[in-house]
Amino acid sequence: MNLQFLLFEHSEGGDGTGLFEAMAAVRPAQAAAVQAEIAAVLDWAQAQFGPAAPVEDGGDWHAELQRSEEPDGSGAPRQVFSLSLAGSAAFSAAFEQHFADALA
């Protein structure tokens, strides 16, 4: 899947779990496009691995989304989205394969 706004950085825990983190800072007019990408990522995760539940509680994946508004360098507003996904080794492998173009 080709994502225009989200670029994920990947790290691994010692137990084989993976963490994928992306941030997008956009003008308000682009916020809906970022939200659509986030929804596509979360919809894929749920379709492939079921409802979100922390790995430490026996789930395959979990997500955290934060959104804020802050001024850019010129004082114009921008929307900042931060999306973090943590998942099992199976989730991480599938995520890396499906979103290969969106990995830093």
PDB file of N, CA and C in Angstrom:
ATOM      1  N   MET A   1       0.853  -1.177   0.000  1.00  0.00           N
ATOM      2  CA  MET A   1       0.000   0.000   0.000  1.00  0.00           C
ATOM      3  C   MET A   1       0.894   1.232   0.000  1.00  0.00           C
ATOM      4  N   ASN A   2       0.547   2.184  -0.823  1.00  0.00           N
ATOM      5  CA  ASN A   2       1.334   3.398  -0.950  1.00  0.00           C
ATOM      6  C   ASN A   2       0.686   4.510  -0.118  1.00  0.00           C
ATOM      7  N   LEU A   3       1.401   4.996   0.864  1.00  0.00           N
ATOM      8  CA  LEU A   3       0.914   6.080   1.718  1.00  0.00           C
ATOM      9  C   LEU A   3       1.649   7.359   1.346  1.00  0.00           C
ATOM     10  N   GLN A   4       0.925   8.455   1.285  1.00  0.00           N
ATOM     11  CA  GLN A   4       1.527   9.724   0.894  1.00  0.00           C
ATOM     12  C   GLN A   4       2.068  10.506   2.090  1.00  0.00           C
ATOM     13  N   PHE A   5       1.385  10.433   3.246  1.00  0.00           N
ATOM     14  CA  PHE A   5       1.747  11.271   4.390  1.00  0.00           C
ATOM     15  C   PHE A   5       2.466  10.518   5.511  1.00  0.00           C
ATOM     16  N   LEU A   6       2.150   9.258   5.701  1.00  0.00           N
ATOM     17  CA  LEU A   6       2.711   8.497   6.816  1.00  0.00           C
ATOM     18  C   LEU A   6       3.972   7.757   6.388  1.00  0.00           C
ATOM     19  N   LEU A   7       5.047   7.978   7.113  1.00  0.00           N
ATOM     20  CA  LEU A   7       6.300   7.256   6.916  1.00  0.00           C
ATOM     21  C   LEU A   7       6.675   6.670   8.271  1.00  0.00           C
ATOM     22  N   PHE A   8       6.701   5.348   8.354  1.00  0.00           N
ATOM     23  CA  PHE A   8       6.898   4.662   9.621  1.00  0.00           C
ATOM     24  C   PHE A   8       8.369   4.338   9.879  1.00  0.00           C
ATOM     25  N   GLU A   9       8.778   4.562  11.108  1.00  0.00           N
ATOM     26  CA  GLU A   9      10.069   4.071  11.588  1.00  0.00           C
ATOM     27  C   GLU A   9       9.783   2.806  12.372  1.00  0.00           C
ATOM     28  N   HIS A  10      10.641   1.818  12.238  1.00  0.00           N
ATOM     29  CA  HIS A  10      10.426   0.516  12.869  1.00  0.00           C
ATOM     30  C   HIS A  10      11.535   0.227  13.868  1.00  0.00           C
ATOM     31  N   SER A  11      11.139  -0.310  15.013  1.00  0.00           N
ATOM     32  CA  SER A  11      12.106  -0.805  15.988  1.00  0.00           C
ATOM     33  C   SER A  11      11.561  -2.098  16.558  1.00  0.00           C
ATOM     34  N   GLU A  12      12.456  -2.912  17.109  1.00  0.00           N
ATOM     35  CA  GLU A  12      12.060  -4.208  17.662  1.00  0.00           C
ATOM     36  C   GLU A  12      12.433  -4.301  19.120  1.00  0.00           C
ATOM     37  N   GLY A  13      11.547  -4.944  19.878  1.00  0.00           N
ATOM     38  CA  GLY A  13      11.830  -5.248  21.264  1.00  0.00           C
ATOM     39  C   GLY A  13      12.597  -6.554  21.353  1.00  0.00           C
ATOM     40  N   GLY A  14      13.177  -6.821  22.498  1.00  0.00           N
ATOM     41  CA  GLY A  14      13.925  -8.050  22.695  1.00  0.00           C
ATOM     42  C   GLY A  14      13.082  -9.303  22.620  1.00  0.00           C
ATOM     43  N   ASP A  15      11.780  -9.153  22.763  1.00  0.00           N
ATOM     44  CA  ASP A  15      10.882 -10.309  22.755  1.00  0.00           C
ATOM     45  C   ASP A  15      10.262 -10.564  21.388  1.00  0.00           C
ATOM     46  N   GLY A  16      10.767  -9.904  20.348  1.00  0.00           N
ATOM     47  CA  GLY A  16      10.249 -10.119  19.002  1.00  0.00           C
ATOM     48  C   GLY A  16       9.095  -9.211  18.619  1.00  0.00           C
ATOM     49  N   THR A  17       8.625  -8.392  19.548  1.00  0.00           N
ATOM     50  CA  THR A  17       7.550  -7.468  19.205  1.00  0.00           C
ATOM     51  C   THR A  17       8.131  -6.315  18.386  1.00  0.00           C
ATOM     52  N   GLY A  18       7.291  -5.711  17.602  1.00  0.00           N
ATOM     53  CA  GLY A  18       7.728  -4.601  16.769  1.00  0.00           C
ATOM     54  C   GLY A  18       6.961  -3.335  17.108  1.00  0.00           C
ATOM     55  N   LEU A  19       7.592  -2.197  16.873  1.00  0.00           N
ATOM     56  CA  LEU A  19       6.968  -0.898  17.074  1.00  0.00           C
ATOM     57  C   LEU A  19       7.131  -0.105  15.792  1.00  0.00           C
ATOM     58  N   PHE A  20       6.033   0.445  15.296  1.00  0.00           N
ATOM     59  CA  PHE A  20       6.014   1.258  14.094  1.00  0.00           C
ATOM     60  C   PHE A  20       5.457   2.621  14.473  1.00  0.00           C
ATOM     61  N   GLU A  21       6.226   3.671  14.194  1.00  0.00           N
ATOM     62  CA  GLU A  21       5.819   5.017  14.576  1.00  0.00           C
ATOM     63  C   GLU A  21       5.896   5.945  13.367  1.00  0.00           C
ATOM     64  N   ALA A  22       4.828   6.757  13.198  1.00  0.00           N
ATOM     65  CA  ALA A  22       4.789   7.730  12.107  1.00  0.00           C
ATOM     66  C   ALA A  22       4.224   9.038  12.634  1.00  0.00           C
ATOM     67  N   MET A  23       4.687  10.133  12.030  1.00  0.00           N
ATOM     68  CA  MET A  23       4.170  11.454  12.370  1.00  0.00           C
ATOM     69  C   MET A  23       3.947  12.204  11.066  1.00  0.00           C
ATOM     70  N   ALA A  24       2.849  12.939  11.008  1.00  0.00           N
ATOM     71  CA  ALA A  24       2.562  13.786   9.853  1.00  0.00           C
ATOM     72  C   ALA A  24       2.116  15.144  10.372  1.00  0.00           C
ATOM     73  N   ALA A  25       2.724  16.200   9.860  1.00  0.00           N
ATOM     74  CA  ALA A  25       2.351  17.569  10.204  1.00  0.00           C
ATOM     75  C   ALA A  25       1.901  18.245   8.915  1.00  0.00           C
ATOM     76  N   VAL A  26       0.627  18.613   8.849  1.00  0.00           N
ATOM     77  CA  VAL A  26       0.053  19.123   7.601  1.00  0.00           C
ATOM     78  C   VAL A  26      -0.814  20.346   7.850  1.00  0.00           C
ATOM     79  N   ARG A  27      -1.076  21.061   6.792  1.00  0.00           N
ATOM     80  CA  ARG A  27      -2.033  22.168   6.839  1.00  0.00           C
ATOM     81  C   ARG A  27      -3.426  21.585   7.069  1.00  0.00           C
ATOM     82  N   PRO A  28      -4.323  22.360   7.663  1.00  0.00           N
ATOM     83  CA  PRO A  28      -5.679  21.852   7.931  1.00  0.00           C
ATOM     84  C   PRO A  28      -6.370  21.260   6.697  1.00  0.00           C
ATOM     85  N   ALA A  29      -6.112  21.791   5.518  1.00  0.00           N
ATOM     86  CA  ALA A  29      -6.749  21.280   4.301  1.00  0.00           C
ATOM     87  C   ALA A  29      -6.328  19.847   3.978  1.00  0.00           C
ATOM     88  N   GLN A  30      -5.184  19.404   4.495  1.00  0.00           N
ATOM     89  CA  GLN A  30      -4.690  18.046   4.237  1.00  0.00           C
ATOM     90  C   GLN A  30      -5.022  17.070   5.359  1.00  0.00           C
ATOM     91  N   ALA A  31      -5.609  17.548   6.432  1.00  0.00           N
ATOM     92  CA  ALA A  31      -5.880  16.697   7.595  1.00  0.00           C
ATOM     93  C   ALA A  31      -6.773  15.513   7.245  1.00  0.00           C
ATOM     94  N   ALA A  32      -7.777  15.719   6.415  1.00  0.00           N
ATOM     95  CA  ALA A  32      -8.676  14.621   6.051  1.00  0.00           C
ATOM     96  C   ALA A  32      -7.923  13.512   5.317  1.00  0.00           C
ATOM     97  N   ALA A  33      -6.955  13.871   4.476  1.00  0.00           N
ATOM     98  CA  ALA A  33      -6.171  12.863   3.759  1.00  0.00           C
ATOM     99  C   ALA A  33      -5.315  12.047   4.724  1.00  0.00           C
ATOM    100  N   VAL A  34      -4.738  12.706   5.718  1.00  0.00           N
ATOM    101  CA  VAL A  34      -3.946  11.987   6.730  1.00  0.00           C
ATOM    102  C   VAL A  34      -4.855  11.059   7.531  1.00  0.00           C
ATOM    103  N   GLN A  35      -6.018  11.556   7.919  1.00  0.00           N
ATOM    104  CA  GLN A  35      -6.963  10.730   8.670  1.00  0.00           C
ATOM    105  C   GLN A  35      -7.387   9.513   7.850  1.00  0.00           C
ATOM    106  N   ALA A  36      -7.547   9.675   6.543  1.00  0.00           N
ATOM    107  CA  ALA A  36      -7.908   8.544   5.687  1.00  0.00           C
ATOM    108  C   ALA A  36      -6.785   7.506   5.657  1.00  0.00           C
ATOM    109  N   GLU A  37      -5.528   7.960   5.614  1.00  0.00           N
ATOM    110  CA  GLU A  37      -4.407   7.018   5.653  1.00  0.00           C
ATOM    111  C   GLU A  37      -4.355   6.284   6.987  1.00  0.00           C
ATOM    112  N   ILE A  38      -4.559   7.000   8.068  1.00  0.00           N
ATOM    113  CA  ILE A  38      -4.566   6.367   9.393  1.00  0.00           C
ATOM    114  C   ILE A  38      -5.674   5.324   9.460  1.00  0.00           C
ATOM    115  N   ALA A  39      -6.857   5.683   8.979  1.00  0.00           N
ATOM    116  CA  ALA A  39      -7.985   4.741   8.978  1.00  0.00           C
ATOM    117  C   ALA A  39      -7.658   3.508   8.145  1.00  0.00           C
ATOM    118  N   ALA A  40      -6.988   3.690   6.997  1.00  0.00           N
ATOM    119  CA  ALA A  40      -6.626   2.547   6.155  1.00  0.00           C
ATOM    120  C   ALA A  40      -5.660   1.615   6.868  1.00  0.00           C
ATOM    121  N   VAL A  41      -4.677   2.177   7.573  1.00  0.00           N
ATOM    122  CA  VAL A  41      -3.711   1.357   8.321  1.00  0.00           C
ATOM    123  C   VAL A  41      -4.426   0.589   9.433  1.00  0.00           C
ATOM    124  N   LEU A  42      -5.264   1.272  10.189  1.00  0.00           N
ATOM    125  CA  LEU A  42      -5.971   0.621  11.299  1.00  0.00           C
ATOM    126  C   LEU A  42      -6.981  -0.412  10.792  1.00  0.00           C
ATOM    127  N   ASP A  43      -7.656  -0.106   9.694  1.00  0.00           N
ATOM    128  CA  ASP A  43      -8.596  -1.070   9.103  1.00  0.00           C
ATOM    129  C   ASP A  43      -7.863  -2.324   8.643  1.00  0.00           C
ATOM    130  N   TRP A  44      -6.686  -2.141   8.030  1.00  0.00           N
ATOM    131  CA  TRP A  44      -5.892  -3.291   7.611  1.00  0.00           C
ATOM    132  C   TRP A  44      -5.503  -4.141   8.827  1.00  0.00           C
ATOM    133  N   ALA A  45      -5.024  -3.494   9.876  1.00  0.00           N
ATOM    134  CA  ALA A  45      -4.597  -4.227  11.072  1.00  0.00           C
ATOM    135  C   ALA A  45      -5.751  -5.030  11.657  1.00  0.00           C
ATOM    136  N   GLN A  46      -6.907  -4.412  11.734  1.00  0.00           N
ATOM    137  CA  GLN A  46      -8.054  -5.117  12.308  1.00  0.00           C
ATOM    138  C   GLN A  46      -8.526  -6.248  11.395  1.00  0.00           C
ATOM    139  N   ALA A  47      -8.531  -6.025  10.097  1.00  0.00           N
ATOM    140  CA  ALA A  47      -8.967  -7.074   9.166  1.00  0.00           C
ATOM    141  C   ALA A  47      -8.021  -8.275   9.205  1.00  0.00           C
ATOM    142  N   GLN A  48      -6.720  -8.013   9.365  1.00  0.00           N
ATOM    143  CA  GLN A  48      -5.732  -9.092   9.353  1.00  0.00           C
ATOM    144  C   GLN A  48      -5.543  -9.770  10.706  1.00  0.00           C
ATOM    145  N   PHE A  49      -5.682  -9.006  11.810  1.00  0.00           N
ATOM    146  CA  PHE A  49      -5.318  -9.534  13.129  1.00  0.00           C
ATOM    147  C   PHE A  49      -6.392  -9.363  14.187  1.00  0.00           C
ATOM    148  N   GLY A  50      -7.584  -8.934  13.805  1.00  0.00           N
ATOM    149  CA  GLY A  50      -8.673  -8.799  14.764  1.00  0.00           C
ATOM    150  C   GLY A  50      -8.580  -7.514  15.556  1.00  0.00           C
ATOM    151  N   PRO A  51      -9.450  -7.377  16.530  1.00  0.00           N
ATOM    152  CA  PRO A  51      -9.486  -6.143  17.324  1.00  0.00           C
ATOM    153  C   PRO A  51      -8.165  -5.872  18.047  1.00  0.00           C
ATOM    154  N   ALA A  52      -7.887  -4.597  18.214  1.00  0.00           N
ATOM    155  CA  ALA A  52      -6.663  -4.189  18.901  1.00  0.00           C
ATOM    156  C   ALA A  52      -6.698  -4.613  20.361  1.00  0.00           C
ATOM    157  N   ALA A  53      -5.579  -5.145  20.828  1.00  0.00           N
ATOM    158  CA  ALA A  53      -5.380  -5.504  22.232  1.00  0.00           C
ATOM    159  C   ALA A  53      -3.875  -5.548  22.461  1.00  0.00           C
ATOM    160  N   PRO A  54      -3.389  -5.000  23.560  1.00  0.00           N
ATOM    161  CA  PRO A  54      -1.945  -4.993  23.813  1.00  0.00           C
ATOM    162  C   PRO A  54      -1.333  -6.395  23.747  1.00  0.00           C
ATOM    163  N   VAL A  55      -0.125  -6.461  23.198  1.00  0.00           N
ATOM    164  CA  VAL A  55       0.580  -7.735  23.070  1.00  0.00           C
ATOM    165  C   VAL A  55       0.764  -8.382  24.436  1.00  0.00           C
ATOM    166  N   GLU A  56       1.084  -7.568  25.446  1.00  0.00           N
ATOM    167  CA  GLU A  56       1.303  -8.128  26.786  1.00  0.00           C
ATOM    168  C   GLU A  56       0.029  -8.717  27.384  1.00  0.00           C
ATOM    169  N   ASP A  57      -1.127  -8.382  26.802  1.00  0.00           N
ATOM    170  CA  ASP A  57      -2.397  -8.955  27.249  1.00  0.00           C
ATOM    171  C   ASP A  57      -2.868 -10.078  26.327  1.00  0.00           C
ATOM    172  N   GLY A  58      -1.985 -10.517  25.418  1.00  0.00           N
ATOM    173  CA  GLY A  58      -2.317 -11.620  24.526  1.00  0.00           C
ATOM    174  C   GLY A  58      -2.805 -11.194  23.157  1.00  0.00           C
ATOM    175  N   GLY A  59      -2.852  -9.906  22.887  1.00  0.00           N
ATOM    176  CA  GLY A  59      -3.279  -9.422  21.576  1.00  0.00           C
ATOM    177  C   GLY A  59      -2.145  -9.465  20.567  1.00  0.00           C
ATOM    178  N   ASP A  60      -2.505  -9.279  19.314  1.00  0.00           N
ATOM    179  CA  ASP A  60      -1.502  -9.251  18.256  1.00  0.00           C
ATOM    180  C   ASP A  60      -1.010  -7.847  17.938  1.00  0.00           C
ATOM    181  N   TRP A  61      -1.837  -6.836  18.268  1.00  0.00           N
ATOM    182  CA  TRP A  61      -1.440  -5.474  17.939  1.00  0.00           C
ATOM    183  C   TRP A  61      -2.204  -4.475  18.790  1.00  0.00           C
ATOM    184  N   HIS A  62      -1.636  -3.295  18.855  1.00  0.00           N
ATOM    185  CA  HIS A  62      -2.258  -2.201  19.599  1.00  0.00           C
ATOM    186  C   HIS A  62      -1.817  -0.899  18.940  1.00  0.00           C
ATOM    187  N   ALA A  63      -2.667   0.103  18.964  1.00  0.00           N
ATOM    188  CA  ALA A  63      -2.336   1.389  18.342  1.00  0.00           C
ATOM    189  C   ALA A  63      -2.622   2.532  19.293  1.00  0.00           C
ATOM    190  N   GLU A  64      -1.853   3.596  19.113  1.00  0.00           N
ATOM    191  CA  GLU A  64      -2.084   4.829  19.853  1.00  0.00           C
ATOM    192  C   GLU A  64      -2.002   5.975  18.853  1.00  0.00           C
ATOM    193  N   LEU A  65      -3.012   6.828  18.877  1.00  0.00           N
ATOM    194  CA  LEU A  65      -3.077   7.975  17.972  1.00  0.00           C
ATOM    195  C   LEU A  65      -3.173   9.251  18.786  1.00  0.00           C
ATOM    196  N   GLN A  66      -2.347  10.207  18.437  1.00  0.00           N
ATOM    197  CA  GLN A  66      -2.401  11.528  19.061  1.00  0.00           C
ATOM    198  C   GLN A  66      -2.526  12.564  17.962  1.00  0.00           C
ATOM    199  N   ARG A  67      -3.301  13.597  18.252  1.00  0.00           N
ATOM    200  CA  ARG A  67      -3.497  14.682  17.292  1.00  0.00           C
ATOM    201  C   ARG A  67      -3.429  15.999  18.043  1.00  0.00           C
ATOM    202  N   SER A  68      -2.709  16.945  17.469  1.00  0.00           N
ATOM    203  CA  SER A  68      -2.620  18.274  18.079  1.00  0.00           C
ATOM    204  C   SER A  68      -2.555  19.318  16.965  1.00  0.00           C
ATOM    205  N   GLU A  69      -2.708  20.559  17.366  1.00  0.00           N
ATOM    206  CA  GLU A  69      -2.555  21.661  16.429  1.00  0.00           C
ATOM    207  C   GLU A  69      -1.477  22.572  16.965  1.00  0.00           C
ATOM    208  N   GLU A  70      -0.588  22.989  16.066  1.00  0.00           N
ATOM    209  CA  GLU A  70       0.483  23.899  16.457  1.00  0.00           C
ATOM    210  C   GLU A  70       0.840  24.769  15.259  1.00  0.00           C
ATOM    211  N   PRO A  71       1.420  25.922  15.505  1.00  0.00           N
ATOM    212  CA  PRO A  71       1.806  26.780  14.385  1.00  0.00           C
ATOM    213  C   PRO A  71       3.079  26.269  13.712  1.00  0.00           C
ATOM    214  N   ASP A  72       3.169  26.521  12.412  1.00  0.00           N
ATOM    215  CA  ASP A  72       4.420  26.197  11.733  1.00  0.00           C
ATOM    216  C   ASP A  72       5.374  27.385  11.880  1.00  0.00           C
ATOM    217  N   GLY A  73       6.480  27.374  11.195  1.00  0.00           N
ATOM    218  CA  GLY A  73       7.478  28.433  11.330  1.00  0.00           C
ATOM    219  C   GLY A  73       6.976  29.823  10.993  1.00  0.00           C
ATOM    220  N   SER A  74       5.937  29.903  10.156  1.00  0.00           N
ATOM    221  CA  SER A  74       5.400  31.217   9.772  1.00  0.00           C
ATOM    222  C   SER A  74       4.203  31.620  10.625  1.00  0.00           C
ATOM    223  N   GLY A  75       3.821  30.781  11.575  1.00  0.00           N
ATOM    224  CA  GLY A  75       2.676  31.067  12.433  1.00  0.00           C
ATOM    225  C   GLY A  75       1.369  30.500  11.927  1.00  0.00           C
ATOM    226  N   ALA A  76       1.382  29.897  10.729  1.00  0.00           N
ATOM    227  CA  ALA A  76       0.172  29.282  10.181  1.00  0.00           C
ATOM    228  C   ALA A  76      -0.126  27.982  10.933  1.00  0.00           C
ATOM    229  N   PRO A  77      -1.393  27.661  11.113  1.00  0.00           N
ATOM    230  CA  PRO A  77      -1.717  26.434  11.847  1.00  0.00           C
ATOM    231  C   PRO A  77      -1.391  25.180  11.041  1.00  0.00           C
ATOM    232  N   ARG A  78      -1.036  24.137  11.746  1.00  0.00           N
ATOM    233  CA  ARG A  78      -0.869  22.825  11.130  1.00  0.00           C
ATOM    234  C   ARG A  78      -1.373  21.773  12.097  1.00  0.00           C
ATOM    235  N   GLN A  79      -1.873  20.698  11.542  1.00  0.00           N
ATOM    236  CA  GLN A  79      -2.342  19.559  12.311  1.00  0.00           C
ATOM    237  C   GLN A  79      -1.197  18.550  12.404  1.00  0.00           C
ATOM    238  N   VAL A  80      -0.951  18.057  13.591  1.00  0.00           N
ATOM    239  CA  VAL A  80       0.118  17.084  13.800  1.00  0.00           C
ATOM    240  C   VAL A  80      -0.515  15.776  14.269  1.00  0.00           C
ATOM    241  N   PHE A  81      -0.244  14.719  13.530  1.00  0.00           N
ATOM    242  CA  PHE A  81      -0.757  13.391  13.847  1.00  0.00           C
ATOM    243  C   PHE A  81       0.430  12.496  14.191  1.00  0.00           C
ATOM    244  N   SER A  82       0.317  11.737  15.276  1.00  0.00           N
ATOM    245  CA  SER A  82       1.329  10.749  15.654  1.00  0.00           C
ATOM    246  C   SER A  82       0.623   9.417  15.821  1.00  0.00           C
ATOM    247  N   LEU A  83       1.059   8.424  15.068  1.00  0.00           N
ATOM    248  CA  LEU A  83       0.467   7.092  15.119  1.00  0.00           C
ATOM    249  C   LEU A  83       1.548   6.096  15.492  1.00  0.00           C
ATOM    250  N   SER A  84       1.294   5.315  16.540  1.00  0.00           N
ATOM    251  CA  SER A  84       2.202   4.256  16.972  1.00  0.00           C
ATOM    252  C   SER A  84       1.447   2.943  16.967  1.00  0.00           C
ATOM    253  N   LEU A  85       2.049   1.924  16.399  1.00  0.00           N
ATOM    254  CA  LEU A  85       1.488   0.579  16.426  1.00  0.00           C
ATOM    255  C   LEU A  85       2.530  -0.363  16.997  1.00  0.00           C
ATOM    256  N   ALA A  86       2.120  -1.180  17.938  1.00  0.00           N
ATOM    257  CA  ALA A  86       2.984  -2.216  18.500  1.00  0.00           C
ATOM    258  C   ALA A  86       2.336  -3.546  18.168  1.00  0.00           C
ATOM    259  N   GLY A  87       3.164  -4.535  17.833  1.00  0.00           N
ATOM    260  CA  GLY A  87       2.572  -5.803  17.456  1.00  0.00           C
ATOM    261  C   GLY A  87       3.497  -6.982  17.655  1.00  0.00           C
ATOM    262  N   SER A  88       2.880  -8.152  17.581  1.00  0.00           N
ATOM    263  CA  SER A  88       3.595  -9.421  17.697  1.00  0.00           C
ATOM    264  C   SER A  88       4.554  -9.574  16.512  1.00  0.00           C
ATOM    265  N   ALA A  89       5.375 -10.601  16.571  1.00  0.00           N
ATOM    266  CA  ALA A  89       6.303 -10.870  15.476  1.00  0.00           C
ATOM    267  C   ALA A  89       5.540 -11.112  14.172  1.00  0.00           C
ATOM    268  N   ALA A  90       4.425 -11.826  14.238  1.00  0.00           N
ATOM    269  CA  ALA A  90       3.618 -12.084  13.036  1.00  0.00           C
ATOM    270  C   ALA A  90       3.029 -10.782  12.494  1.00  0.00           C
ATOM    271  N   PHE A  91       2.540  -9.933  13.377  1.00  0.00           N
ATOM    272  CA  PHE A  91       1.999  -8.643  12.960  1.00  0.00           C
ATOM    273  C   PHE A  91       3.104  -7.813  12.312  1.00  0.00           C
ATOM    274  N   SER A  92       4.265  -7.761  12.934  1.00  0.00           N
ATOM    275  CA  SER A  92       5.379  -6.964  12.416  1.00  0.00           C
ATOM    276  C   SER A  92       5.787  -7.421  11.021  1.00  0.00           C
ATOM    277  N   ALA A  93       5.883  -8.713  10.820  1.00  0.00           N
ATOM    278  CA  ALA A  93       6.269  -9.238   9.509  1.00  0.00           C
ATOM    279  C   ALA A  93       5.228  -8.872   8.456  1.00  0.00           C
ATOM    280  N   ALA A  94       3.966  -9.017   8.790  1.00  0.00           N
ATOM    281  CA  ALA A  94       2.901  -8.685   7.843  1.00  0.00           C
ATOM    282  C   ALA A  94       2.866  -7.179   7.567  1.00  0.00           C
ATOM    283  N   PHE A  95       3.065  -6.367   8.605  1.00  0.00           N
ATOM    284  CA  PHE A  95       3.072  -4.916   8.440  1.00  0.00           C
ATOM    285  C   PHE A  95       4.213  -4.504   7.513  1.00  0.00           C
ATOM    286  N   GLU A  96       5.400  -5.051   7.752  1.00  0.00           N
ATOM    287  CA  GLU A  96       6.557  -4.721   6.924  1.00  0.00           C
ATOM    288  C   GLU A  96       6.324  -5.098   5.464  1.00  0.00           C
ATOM    289  N   GLN A  97       5.668  -6.212   5.227  1.00  0.00           N
ATOM    290  CA  GLN A  97       5.404  -6.640   3.859  1.00  0.00           C
ATOM    291  C   GLN A  97       4.345  -5.756   3.200  1.00  0.00           C
ATOM    292  N   HIS A  98       3.249  -5.501   3.908  1.00  0.00           N
ATOM    293  CA  HIS A  98       2.134  -4.757   3.321  1.00  0.00           C
ATOM    294  C   HIS A  98       2.454  -3.272   3.141  1.00  0.00           C
ATOM    295  N   PHE A  99       3.176  -2.691   4.085  1.00  0.00           N
ATOM    296  CA  PHE A  99       3.477  -1.262   4.055  1.00  0.00           C
ATOM    297  C   PHE A  99       4.953  -0.979   3.760  1.00  0.00           C
ATOM    298  N   ALA A 100       5.575  -1.831   2.970  1.00  0.00           N
ATOM    299  CA  ALA A 100       7.006  -1.698   2.685  1.00  0.00           C
ATOM    300  C   ALA A 100       7.355  -0.314   2.143  1.00  0.00           C
ATOM    301  N   ASP A 101       6.491   0.264   1.326  1.00  0.00           N
ATOM    302  CA  ASP A 101       6.764   1.587   0.747  1.00  0.00           C
ATOM    303  C   ASP A 101       6.667   2.712   1.770  1.00  0.00           C
ATOM    304  N   ALA A 102       6.095   2.415   2.930  1.00  0.00           N
ATOM    305  CA  ALA A 102       5.897   3.456   3.957  1.00  0.00           C
ATOM    306  C   ALA A 102       6.852   3.302   5.129  1.00  0.00           C
ATOM    307  N   LEU A 103       7.901   2.506   4.944  1.00  0.00           N
ATOM    308  CA  LEU A 103       8.890   2.315   6.010  1.00  0.00           C
ATOM    309  C   LEU A 103      10.136   3.144   5.718  1.00  0.00           C
ATOM    310  N   ALA A 104      10.616   3.840   6.755  1.00  0.00           N
ATOM    311  CA  ALA A 104      11.809   4.672   6.596  1.00  0.00           C
ATOM    312  C   ALA A 104      13.043   3.808   6.508  1.00  0.00           C
TER     313      ALA A 104
END
